[in-house]
Amino acid sequence: MRKLSVLLGFVACTFLLSGPSPGQDASGGIVFTRYRQFRIPFNPGPAENRIKQLQLFVSTDQGRTWQPSATAPPEKRFFSFTSERDGYFWFAVQTLDIDNKLNPLTFDNVVPSMKVVIDTQPPLVTLQPLTPRGNEVGVSWDIRDDNLDLSQPDSARLEYRPAGSPGWIGVAMPPGANQAYWTPQSQGQLEVRLRVKDRAGNFGEGTLTLNGGGGGNNGGGNTGGGNAQTGVLPDHNDRPQDIFNGPRDEERKLVGSKRITLNYEVKEVGPSGVSVVELWYTQDGRSWNKYPAKFGGEQQNITFDVVGEGLYGISLVAKSGVGLGDRPPQIGDRPQIWIEVDITKPVVQLHNVLVGTGPEKGKLNVTWTARDKNMARDPITLSYAEQLAGPWTPIGEKLPNTGRHIWTMPERLPYQFHLKVEAIDRAGNVGEAVTESLIKVDLSQPKVKILNVEPAGK
């Protein structure tokens, strides 16, 4: 049987974070990145029509142990990976063919397809002034970073400028040295900076001000490059809509928050207990990714964050104290629960408020429109208040969204007030519209009747 091979690539994730592509160590084939979320493209090769599923495995101990991280169909062409920490990560892929055969069968002595170093920490740069030498001024520096290669031409740049000047002037940095002297083009106070970039693309900067005598105060300035967003379940927003229609409405659990708590119980627990509970999620109904954080086996609920609105299929997998448990979700597996995150408020417009006259005297005719993709049943609440700050008194609650309501006003009512229309959706989001000007319901027109005529006193 022909061996199935998969080629991996690397793409920095730009749907949450933007920035340059990661660096690569030419000698060791290691990819360095400052992102904790990224895509790993793959090419199934000529045997694609025999592959049913690809599963990404990750090792954080240089290949001694491997853990499943994501599954994808061959047509997707990439895995999505999220880490909750910096570190050294090895990646390998296992394929499942149409005959349900795995390749490789085990991960004993497997050769990783890719090695990635995630580094979100900027270099720490410190500048110190040196004693002047004649017309020369100088600085020394100390740079702390785990993934720095100063042999690269763009890894460090020392510059100065006269205080307040807009332009910077470069200073040669001797190879392998930790100090430099130069003759400035002008006298007086000088601003000095050393900008450093590590192999992951993080920037650090040290600053210093030198006075005319060459002395100075270390500004201690340190600015870092792109810090990764962690601890959230990403919205990849890449599912093929033409093949994924999602679950039925009754299968969706609507949540009006990007922070979600799941309550659960673990059954059939043996004497070794439960060591960990893993959270797996899908957005396209086929591909699966593991949430980066792990949850303790003694918990009965877990809380996690999502980046934005959307549909998330969630499954939990428990492992015993000796590492046994259900396999991770595979292509075609249905999630244990579908969650739709909806944080958009209904759009409400208040069109008109008419105070009845003649036969309609004492009635208030209110018209509005309210729209939302997940509008609740009987979602409308009408209320009034003498001031915009409230308090608000309900006129009607749980009214149907017909766009019109006629209110028979009680006798004891303020002669003028504001009116508010609220609409609530099934996720609990509330939209509203309020009249800006006061509604005057006292339409009485005072009339004067002469009762008598009397002479005025002298």
Foldseek 3Di string as FASTA:
>chain_A
DDAWDKAKDWDADPPVHDDDGFFADPVPRETEAQAQKTKIFMARPPCLLFFAKKWKWKDQPVQPDIDTFKMDRNVVGIDIGGAQDWGKMFMDMWTQTPVRDIVPPDSVVNDTNHIYTHDNDAKQKWKAWDQADVQKTKIFMDIDDPFADPVDPPFKWKWKDAPPDPDIDTDDDPPPGGMDMDHDPDAAKMKIKMWGAGSNGKIWMWIWIAGRRNHTDTPSGTDIDDHYDAQAAEDPPPADCVVAPDDDPVQEDEAQFQKDKDFADDPPADPQAWAWKWKWKDQRQFMIGTRNDIDGRPDRMDMTGYDDWGKIAIAMWIAGNVGDTDDPDHGPDGGPGIYTHDNDAKDKDWDDWDADDDVRHQKIKTFIATDDPQFDQLFKWKWKAADPVDDTDTQDGSHGRPRIDMGRHDPPDPQKIKMKIWGAGPNGHIDMDIDPDIDGNPPDDDDDDDDDDDDDDD
